[in-house]
Amino acid sequence: MTLVTAQPYALLLKGGHVIDPKNGIDAIRDVAIQDGKIAAVAANIPASQARRVIDAQGLYVTPGLIDLHAHVFNTTGIPGAWAGDNSVQADTLSFRTGVTTLCDAGSSGWRNFETFRHTVIDRANTRVLSFINIAGFGMVTDITEQGDFSAKEVARLAKKHKDVVVGVKSAHYQLPDWKSVDEAIAAGKAAGIPIMVDFGYFLRERPYWQLVTERLRPGDISTHMFRGPVPWIDATGKLYDYLKRARARGVRFDVGHGGGSFVLRNAVPATRQGFYPDSISTDLHTGSMNAQMQDMPTTMSKMMAAGMPFKEVMRASTWTPAQMIARPELGHLTVGAEADISLWNLMKGDFGYADASGGAVRGTERLQCEMTVRAGRVVWNYNSRGSQPFEQLPKTYGVREGIDFVIPPTK
């Protein structure tokens, strides 16, 4: 760590390999930060210009990750619910995994969204955005998601809270009609935002291919894209054509790994045939984080093991999801943007990755988050980069001001 005075930058990340998909940067660059914003990205910024310098050599430097599908409405006290004890406290797993923005995927509905905002969104250090569930009480139980739909109320709330609401969620619908999806679309149209659909229960009366080729609008999102019941490959091993037609219409595909919504027999053939996810997300909850999903870096590494190139994995975890939720100020390292940054060690070795149904794939790379910066402040530092050896500090370091440092008497 280098400490000097009268420098124009508060923090300098020096010598890292910057991957910034929006700006087309894939090179060794220094990144300077001042007042919580990206102040400069250049090939060689003198260390003397920064009050604090972090050596990022050997690491990848990327925009902070955007996890498009998570569950963080943990303040209801309801046991066994995604809108309850199954949700994760937002700051618990975000920064240590390089995530600076979490999008709650419909844990709250139009009856309890404002409680979610007051008790979670406004209190988290992580940036928390939200899809509002079309069902009144959101994900209290699957039962609550079978009705109590109000496109009018969801649209009203989305407009009132447009600073944090990014879409509408339809999920876990069990009936053979399209009512949940149609009501969500009506709300999305009224508010001018996309919808995200967790198809949940696959029924012959409303097949998945109709959802993505006929119902969803351009910009709408199909999450849990690699779930087992989704038809991906034909008898010859080729991708079904309807998937390409859906993408050509502008429908977006999101991973949403979760505890039971990702199988490698779908993900690997799709990825190796060039059908990459638009967004990589976790479907984070207490079950998935302690099962095969684990966290965002593991899910990203799993997609690399499935055949997705590293740069495309970073694009699908930063700039593309920012566009999907109409937040163009996020997901990049443009000068003037908020300084949300992740530093990565891309480890080499033999790594195993499991899906949600007992399948596994081996990979040669695994991402480890070394540091996370949120709004210019270091919020995760795995290897204490930038800290001084304790021997170089004053002997009284660690003693709080106003407390006497008393030396014990000798015998």
Protein backbone atom coordinates (compact mmCIF):
# COMPACT_ATOMS: atom_id res chain seq x y z
CA MET A 1 0.00 0.00 0.00
CA THR A 2 1.26 3.47 -0.92
CA LEU A 3 0.08 6.43 1.19
CA VAL A 4 0.85 10.00 0.14
CA THR A 5 -1.00 13.30 0.24
CA ALA A 6 -2.65 15.72 -2.23
CA GLN A 7 -3.36 13.09 -4.86
CA PRO A 8 -6.33 13.34 -7.24
CA TYR A 9 -7.50 9.74 -6.65
CA ALA A 10 -8.68 8.05 -3.48
CA LEU A 11 -8.02 4.51 -4.71
CA LEU A 12 -6.02 3.02 -7.54
CA LEU A 13 -6.31 -0.59 -8.70
CA LYS A 14 -3.03 -1.08 -10.48
CA GLY A 15 -1.90 -3.61 -13.05
CA GLY A 16 -4.99 -5.81 -13.30
CA HIS A 17 -6.45 -7.30 -16.46
CA VAL A 18 -9.61 -5.29 -17.05
CA ILE A 19 -12.60 -7.01 -18.68
CA ASP A 20 -15.26 -4.38 -19.43
CA PRO A 21 -17.67 -5.76 -22.04
CA LYS A 22 -19.58 -2.52 -22.60
CA ASN A 23 -16.45 -0.54 -23.44
CA GLY A 24 -14.68 -3.36 -25.25
CA ILE A 25 -11.72 -3.40 -22.86
CA ASP A 26 -9.76 -6.66 -22.54
CA ALA A 27 -6.28 -5.54 -21.49
CA ILE A 28 -3.98 -4.65 -18.61
CA ARG A 29 -5.26 -1.36 -17.25
CA ASP A 30 -5.20 0.72 -14.09
CA VAL A 31 -8.51 1.85 -12.62
CA ALA A 32 -8.66 5.03 -10.53
CA ILE A 33 -11.51 5.93 -8.18
CA GLN A 34 -12.50 9.24 -6.63
CA ASP A 35 -15.68 10.27 -4.76
CA GLY A 36 -17.14 6.80 -5.25
CA LYS A 37 -16.92 7.03 -9.05
CA ILE A 38 -14.67 5.66 -11.77
CA ALA A 39 -12.23 8.53 -12.35
CA ALA A 40 -9.88 7.02 -14.94
CA VAL A 41 -9.11 3.77 -16.77
CA ALA A 42 -5.71 3.90 -18.42
CA ALA A 43 -2.63 1.85 -19.24
CA ASN A 44 -0.34 3.42 -16.64
CA ILE A 45 -1.61 5.74 -13.93
CA PRO A 46 1.25 6.73 -11.60
CA ALA A 47 0.87 5.33 -8.11
CA SER A 48 1.85 8.73 -6.76
CA GLN A 49 -1.53 10.07 -7.89
CA ALA A 50 -3.53 7.94 -5.45
CA ARG A 51 -3.89 7.98 -1.69
CA ARG A 52 -4.27 4.22 -1.63
CA VAL A 53 -2.93 1.77 -4.20
CA ILE A 54 -3.97 -1.87 -4.56
CA ASP A 55 -1.70 -4.16 -6.53
CA ALA A 56 -4.04 -6.03 -8.89
CA GLN A 57 -1.36 -7.78 -10.94
CA GLY A 58 -2.37 -11.31 -11.86
CA LEU A 59 -6.06 -10.57 -11.24
CA TYR A 60 -8.98 -9.82 -13.52
CA VAL A 61 -10.77 -6.54 -12.83
CA THR A 62 -14.43 -6.39 -13.87
CA PRO A 63 -17.56 -4.40 -13.16
CA GLY A 64 -19.35 -5.51 -10.01
CA LEU A 65 -21.60 -8.47 -10.72
CA ILE A 66 -25.37 -8.18 -11.15
CA ASP A 67 -27.25 -11.23 -9.87
CA LEU A 68 -30.56 -10.98 -11.71
CA HIS A 69 -32.39 -13.64 -9.69
CA ALA A 70 -32.12 -13.77 -5.90
CA HIS A 71 -34.37 -13.92 -2.83
CA VAL A 72 -33.59 -11.49 -0.03
CA PHE A 73 -36.98 -10.70 1.58
CA ASN A 74 -35.81 -12.20 4.87
CA THR A 75 -37.70 -9.92 7.25
CA THR A 76 -41.17 -11.53 7.28
CA GLY A 77 -40.36 -14.21 9.86
CA ILE A 78 -42.32 -16.78 7.82
CA PRO A 79 -40.76 -20.28 8.04
CA GLY A 80 -40.11 -22.27 4.88
CA ALA A 81 -40.84 -19.40 2.50
CA TRP A 82 -38.78 -17.59 -0.14
CA ALA A 83 -40.44 -14.48 1.31
CA GLY A 84 -39.24 -15.46 4.76
CA ASP A 85 -36.66 -17.70 6.35
CA ASN A 86 -35.50 -19.10 2.99
CA SER A 87 -34.42 -15.65 1.84
CA VAL A 88 -30.84 -14.55 2.44
CA GLN A 89 -29.84 -11.32 4.14
CA ALA A 90 -28.66 -9.22 1.22
CA ASP A 91 -25.18 -8.38 2.52
CA THR A 92 -24.41 -11.90 3.74
CA LEU A 93 -23.19 -13.43 0.47
CA SER A 94 -23.05 -10.55 -2.01
CA PHE A 95 -19.72 -8.78 -1.58
CA ARG A 96 -17.66 -11.87 -0.81
CA THR A 97 -18.78 -13.25 -4.19
CA GLY A 98 -18.18 -10.11 -6.26
CA VAL A 99 -21.86 -9.17 -6.42
CA THR A 100 -22.69 -5.50 -5.96
CA THR A 101 -26.29 -5.60 -7.26
CA LEU A 102 -28.94 -8.14 -6.28
CA CYS A 103 -32.32 -8.30 -8.01
CA ASP A 104 -34.95 -9.89 -5.82
CA ALA A 105 -37.06 -12.06 -8.14
CA GLY A 106 -40.58 -11.54 -6.89
CA SER A 107 -40.30 -12.59 -3.25
CA SER A 108 -42.71 -9.74 -2.48
CA GLY A 109 -46.00 -9.02 -4.22
CA TRP A 110 -48.11 -5.91 -4.55
CA ARG A 111 -49.53 -6.31 -1.02
CA ASN A 112 -46.17 -6.46 0.78
CA PHE A 113 -43.63 -4.86 -1.57
CA GLU A 114 -43.44 -1.64 0.44
CA THR A 115 -42.61 -3.65 3.57
CA PHE A 116 -39.82 -5.29 1.59
CA ARG A 117 -38.57 -1.89 0.53
CA HIS A 118 -38.57 -0.41 4.04
CA THR A 119 -37.07 -3.42 5.82
CA VAL A 120 -34.58 -4.71 3.23
CA ILE A 121 -33.94 -2.55 0.16
CA ASP A 122 -33.43 0.72 2.01
CA ARG A 123 -31.23 -0.87 4.69
CA ALA A 124 -28.84 -3.01 2.64
CA ASN A 125 -25.32 -1.96 1.68
CA THR A 126 -25.69 -4.11 -1.42
CA ARG A 127 -27.71 -2.41 -4.14
CA VAL A 128 -31.02 -4.28 -4.05
CA LEU A 129 -33.47 -3.96 -6.95
CA SER A 130 -36.72 -5.86 -7.32
CA PHE A 131 -39.19 -7.62 -9.52
CA ILE A 132 -42.69 -7.33 -7.97
CA ASN A 133 -44.69 -10.55 -7.92
CA ILE A 134 -48.02 -10.34 -9.74
CA ALA A 135 -49.55 -12.24 -6.80
CA GLY A 136 -50.47 -10.08 -3.82
CA PHE A 137 -48.31 -11.70 -1.14
CA GLY A 138 -45.57 -12.92 -3.45
CA MET A 139 -43.71 -16.03 -2.44
CA VAL A 140 -45.15 -16.69 0.99
CA THR A 141 -46.23 -20.11 -0.33
CA ASP A 142 -47.03 -21.56 -3.75
CA ILE A 143 -50.68 -21.24 -2.76
CA THR A 144 -50.49 -17.45 -2.67
CA GLU A 145 -49.17 -17.41 -6.24
CA GLN A 146 -52.23 -19.10 -7.72
CA GLY A 147 -54.34 -15.92 -7.65
CA ASP A 148 -54.79 -12.49 -6.08
CA PHE A 149 -53.35 -10.95 -9.24
CA SER A 150 -53.56 -7.20 -9.84
CA ALA A 151 -51.83 -5.73 -12.87
CA LYS A 152 -53.12 -2.29 -11.85
CA GLU A 153 -51.58 -2.38 -8.36
CA VAL A 154 -48.27 -3.80 -9.56
CA ALA A 155 -47.99 -1.10 -12.22
CA ARG A 156 -48.85 1.59 -9.68
CA LEU A 157 -46.15 0.42 -7.30
CA ALA A 158 -43.62 0.01 -10.11
CA LYS A 159 -44.12 3.64 -11.11
CA LYS A 160 -44.05 4.87 -7.51
CA HIS A 161 -40.84 2.96 -6.76
CA LYS A 162 -39.24 3.18 -10.20
CA ASP A 163 -35.85 3.79 -8.62
CA VAL A 164 -35.73 0.17 -7.41
CA VAL A 165 -38.41 -1.78 -9.33
CA VAL A 166 -37.06 -3.38 -12.50
CA GLY A 167 -39.79 -5.81 -13.54
CA VAL A 168 -42.77 -8.03 -12.77
CA LYS A 169 -42.55 -11.69 -11.72
CA SER A 170 -44.86 -14.60 -12.52
CA ALA A 171 -43.92 -17.82 -10.73
CA HIS A 172 -45.00 -21.26 -9.55
CA TYR A 173 -48.38 -21.14 -11.26
CA GLN A 174 -50.07 -24.55 -11.25
CA LEU A 175 -53.28 -24.06 -13.25
CA PRO A 176 -53.57 -24.99 -16.94
CA ASP A 177 -54.33 -21.45 -18.16
CA TRP A 178 -52.09 -18.45 -18.81
CA LYS A 179 -53.63 -16.10 -16.24
CA SER A 180 -50.49 -15.51 -14.14
CA VAL A 181 -48.37 -14.78 -17.20
CA ASP A 182 -51.02 -12.65 -18.88
CA GLU A 183 -51.59 -10.53 -15.77
CA ALA A 184 -47.85 -10.04 -15.40
CA ILE A 185 -47.60 -8.93 -19.02
CA ALA A 186 -50.47 -6.49 -18.51
CA ALA A 187 -48.62 -5.00 -15.52
CA GLY A 188 -45.38 -4.87 -17.48
CA LYS A 189 -47.06 -3.05 -20.36
CA ALA A 190 -48.68 -0.52 -18.02
CA ALA A 191 -45.42 0.21 -16.21
CA GLY A 192 -43.10 -0.07 -19.20
CA ILE A 193 -40.94 -2.80 -17.63
CA PRO A 194 -40.12 -6.44 -18.49
CA ILE A 195 -41.56 -9.50 -16.85
CA MET A 196 -39.67 -12.53 -15.58
CA VAL A 197 -41.39 -15.91 -15.70
CA ASP A 198 -40.54 -18.91 -13.56
CA PHE A 199 -42.79 -21.37 -15.40
CA GLY A 200 -42.75 -23.58 -12.34
CA TYR A 201 -45.20 -26.26 -13.37
CA PHE A 202 -44.94 -27.52 -16.94
CA LEU A 203 -48.35 -28.52 -18.32
CA ARG A 204 -49.39 -29.76 -21.75
CA GLU A 205 -52.13 -27.15 -21.89
CA ARG A 206 -49.53 -24.35 -21.83
CA PRO A 207 -46.26 -25.70 -23.23
CA TYR A 208 -42.99 -23.90 -22.68
CA TRP A 209 -42.38 -23.31 -26.37
CA GLN A 210 -45.57 -21.25 -26.56
CA LEU A 211 -44.41 -19.14 -23.62
CA VAL A 212 -41.20 -18.04 -25.34
CA THR A 213 -42.39 -17.91 -28.97
CA GLU A 214 -45.89 -16.49 -28.55
CA ARG A 215 -46.58 -15.01 -25.10
CA LEU A 216 -43.47 -13.20 -23.94
CA ARG A 217 -42.66 -9.82 -25.44
CA PRO A 218 -39.24 -8.64 -26.62
CA GLY A 219 -37.22 -7.96 -23.46
CA ASP A 220 -39.22 -10.32 -21.26
CA ILE A 221 -37.20 -12.93 -19.38
CA SER A 222 -37.53 -16.69 -19.11
CA THR A 223 -35.65 -17.73 -15.97
CA HIS A 224 -34.59 -21.27 -14.99
CA MET A 225 -33.70 -21.71 -18.65
CA PHE A 226 -31.84 -25.00 -18.06
CA ARG A 227 -34.51 -26.61 -15.91
CA GLY A 228 -35.11 -30.29 -16.59
CA PRO A 229 -38.56 -30.08 -18.24
CA VAL A 230 -37.45 -27.44 -20.78
CA PRO A 231 -37.03 -29.11 -24.22
CA TRP A 232 -33.56 -28.30 -25.51
CA ILE A 233 -32.22 -30.97 -27.86
CA ASP A 234 -33.87 -33.29 -30.36
CA ALA A 235 -33.13 -36.97 -30.96
CA THR A 236 -30.06 -36.07 -33.02
CA GLY A 237 -28.61 -33.86 -30.30
CA LYS A 238 -29.37 -30.55 -32.02
CA LEU A 239 -31.07 -27.58 -30.39
CA TYR A 240 -34.76 -27.21 -31.07
CA ASP A 241 -35.39 -24.39 -33.51
CA TYR A 242 -38.04 -22.72 -31.31
CA LEU A 243 -35.29 -21.52 -28.94
CA LYS A 244 -33.54 -19.58 -31.69
CA ARG A 245 -36.87 -18.17 -32.86
CA ALA A 246 -37.62 -17.01 -29.33
CA ARG A 247 -34.26 -15.28 -29.08
CA ALA A 248 -34.76 -13.67 -32.48
CA ARG A 249 -38.02 -12.22 -31.12
CA GLY A 250 -36.04 -10.58 -28.33
CA VAL A 251 -36.94 -12.94 -25.47
CA ARG A 252 -34.17 -13.11 -22.87
CA PHE A 253 -32.93 -16.30 -21.22
CA ASP A 254 -31.70 -16.30 -17.61
CA VAL A 255 -29.94 -19.15 -15.78
CA GLY A 256 -31.61 -18.85 -12.34
CA HIS A 257 -29.75 -21.95 -11.11
CA GLY A 258 -31.52 -22.39 -7.75
CA GLY A 259 -31.82 -25.59 -5.80
CA GLY A 260 -33.58 -27.58 -8.52
CA SER A 261 -33.61 -25.61 -11.77
CA PHE A 262 -30.33 -26.43 -13.53
CA VAL A 263 -29.42 -29.67 -15.27
CA LEU A 264 -26.23 -30.15 -17.23
CA ARG A 265 -27.89 -32.35 -19.86
CA ASN A 266 -29.57 -29.13 -21.03
CA ALA A 267 -26.87 -26.58 -20.23
CA VAL A 268 -23.89 -28.34 -21.83
CA PRO A 269 -25.40 -29.09 -25.28
CA ALA A 270 -26.96 -25.62 -25.46
CA THR A 271 -23.74 -23.86 -24.51
CA ARG A 272 -21.51 -25.95 -26.75
CA GLN A 273 -23.84 -25.17 -29.65
CA GLY A 274 -23.45 -21.46 -28.98
CA PHE A 275 -26.74 -20.76 -27.20
CA TYR A 276 -25.42 -18.83 -24.22
CA PRO A 277 -27.53 -17.39 -21.42
CA ASP A 278 -28.28 -13.70 -21.68
CA SER A 279 -27.79 -13.50 -17.92
CA ILE A 280 -26.15 -15.77 -15.38
CA SER A 281 -27.94 -15.71 -12.03
CA THR A 282 -28.13 -17.81 -8.91
CA ASP A 283 -31.74 -17.95 -7.67
CA LEU A 284 -30.07 -17.37 -4.34
CA HIS A 285 -31.79 -18.67 -1.21
CA THR A 286 -30.70 -20.61 1.86
CA GLY A 287 -31.30 -23.92 0.11
CA SER A 288 -29.46 -23.22 -3.14
CA MET A 289 -26.45 -21.55 -1.51
CA ASN A 290 -25.83 -24.66 0.58
CA ALA A 291 -26.44 -27.09 -2.28
CA GLN A 292 -25.01 -27.45 -5.79
CA MET A 293 -25.47 -23.81 -6.79
CA GLN A 294 -23.30 -22.38 -3.96
CA ASP A 295 -22.83 -18.82 -5.22
CA MET A 296 -22.41 -16.57 -8.26
CA PRO A 297 -18.71 -17.34 -8.95
CA THR A 298 -19.44 -21.08 -8.80
CA THR A 299 -22.36 -20.69 -11.21
CA MET A 300 -20.19 -18.65 -13.57
CA SER A 301 -17.39 -21.21 -13.34
CA LYS A 302 -19.93 -23.97 -14.02
CA MET A 303 -20.98 -22.20 -17.21
CA MET A 304 -17.33 -22.03 -18.27
CA ALA A 305 -17.02 -25.76 -17.64
CA ALA A 306 -20.11 -26.21 -19.81
CA GLY A 307 -18.32 -24.44 -22.67
CA MET A 308 -19.12 -20.73 -22.29
CA PRO A 309 -16.10 -18.46 -22.92
CA PHE A 310 -14.80 -16.45 -19.96
CA LYS A 311 -15.49 -13.07 -21.57
CA GLU A 312 -19.06 -14.09 -22.40
CA VAL A 313 -19.55 -15.26 -18.81
CA MET A 314 -18.47 -11.82 -17.60
CA ARG A 315 -20.74 -10.10 -20.12
CA ALA A 316 -23.70 -12.19 -18.92
CA SER A 317 -22.93 -11.26 -15.32
CA THR A 318 -22.43 -7.51 -15.78
CA TRP A 319 -23.39 -5.45 -18.81
CA THR A 320 -26.13 -7.63 -20.36
CA PRO A 321 -28.21 -7.96 -17.16
CA ALA A 322 -27.85 -4.20 -16.66
CA GLN A 323 -29.45 -3.71 -20.06
CA MET A 324 -32.13 -6.30 -19.35
CA ILE A 325 -33.35 -4.32 -16.34
CA ALA A 326 -32.89 -0.92 -18.04
CA ARG A 327 -30.11 0.19 -15.72
CA PRO A 328 -27.50 1.40 -18.23
CA GLU A 329 -25.59 3.14 -15.44
CA LEU A 330 -24.60 -0.29 -14.05
CA GLY A 331 -22.37 -3.12 -15.24
CA HIS A 332 -19.42 -1.20 -16.68
CA LEU A 333 -16.31 0.80 -15.79
CA THR A 334 -16.98 3.97 -17.75
CA VAL A 335 -15.49 7.15 -16.29
CA GLY A 336 -18.19 8.77 -14.17
CA ALA A 337 -19.99 5.50 -13.39
CA GLU A 338 -20.40 4.41 -9.79
CA ALA A 339 -17.30 2.46 -8.77
CA ASP A 340 -18.73 -1.04 -8.35
CA ILE A 341 -15.82 -3.35 -9.13
CA SER A 342 -14.82 -6.98 -8.62
CA LEU A 343 -11.30 -8.43 -8.68
CA TRP A 344 -10.86 -12.08 -9.59
CA ASN A 345 -8.34 -14.85 -9.31
CA LEU A 346 -9.01 -17.24 -12.18
CA MET A 347 -7.64 -20.41 -10.64
CA LYS A 348 -6.33 -23.23 -12.80
CA GLY A 349 -6.72 -26.88 -11.85
CA ASP A 350 -9.20 -29.74 -11.83
CA PHE A 351 -12.58 -28.64 -10.49
CA GLY A 352 -15.90 -30.42 -10.24
CA TYR A 353 -19.33 -28.81 -10.67
CA ALA A 354 -22.66 -30.43 -9.93
CA ASP A 355 -26.14 -29.69 -11.21
CA ALA A 356 -29.40 -29.90 -9.28
CA SER A 357 -30.15 -33.50 -10.24
CA GLY A 358 -27.00 -35.47 -9.48
CA GLY A 359 -25.07 -34.69 -12.67
CA ALA A 360 -21.52 -33.35 -12.73
CA VAL A 361 -18.99 -31.85 -15.10
CA ARG A 362 -15.26 -31.23 -14.68
CA GLY A 363 -13.60 -27.93 -15.47
CA THR A 364 -10.07 -26.53 -15.52
CA GLU A 365 -10.90 -23.06 -14.17
CA ARG A 366 -12.64 -21.62 -11.11
CA LEU A 367 -13.31 -18.01 -10.18
CA GLN A 368 -12.37 -16.79 -6.71
CA CYS A 369 -13.37 -13.27 -5.71
CA GLU A 370 -10.31 -11.51 -4.29
CA MET A 371 -11.80 -8.06 -3.71
CA THR A 372 -15.06 -6.16 -4.14
CA VAL A 373 -15.47 -2.42 -4.30
CA ARG A 374 -18.93 -0.91 -3.80
CA ALA A 375 -19.38 2.79 -4.61
CA GLY A 376 -15.63 3.29 -4.26
CA ARG A 377 -15.28 1.54 -0.90
CA VAL A 378 -13.49 -1.78 -0.43
CA VAL A 379 -16.16 -4.08 1.06
CA TRP A 380 -14.45 -7.46 0.60
CA ASN A 381 -10.74 -8.18 0.65
CA TYR A 382 -10.00 -11.92 0.62
CA ASN A 383 -6.21 -11.66 0.86
CA SER A 384 -5.92 -8.31 2.67
CA ARG A 385 -4.42 -6.58 -0.35
CA GLY A 386 -3.20 -3.09 0.43
CA SER A 387 -2.72 -3.70 4.13
CA GLN A 388 0.66 -3.01 5.77
CA PRO A 389 2.75 -5.64 7.56
CA PHE A 390 2.00 -5.18 11.23
CA GLU A 391 5.71 -4.79 12.03
CA GLN A 392 5.71 -1.53 10.04
CA LEU A 393 2.91 0.01 12.09
CA PRO A 394 3.31 2.02 15.32
CA LYS A 395 3.56 -0.21 18.35
CA THR A 396 0.33 1.25 19.70
CA TYR A 397 -1.74 0.52 16.59
CA GLY A 398 -5.10 -0.97 17.42
CA VAL A 399 -5.42 1.05 20.62
CA ARG A 400 -8.49 3.22 20.45
CA GLU A 401 -8.11 6.94 20.97
CA GLY A 402 -8.80 7.92 24.57
CA ILE A 403 -7.70 4.58 26.02
CA ASP A 404 -4.46 4.53 27.95
CA PHE A 405 -1.79 2.18 26.66
CA VAL A 406 -0.49 0.90 30.02
CA ILE A 407 2.77 -1.01 30.06
CA PRO A 408 2.76 -3.71 32.76
CA PRO A 409 5.42 -3.41 35.46
CA THR A 410 8.48 -5.59 35.35
CA LYS A 411 9.30 -7.88 38.25
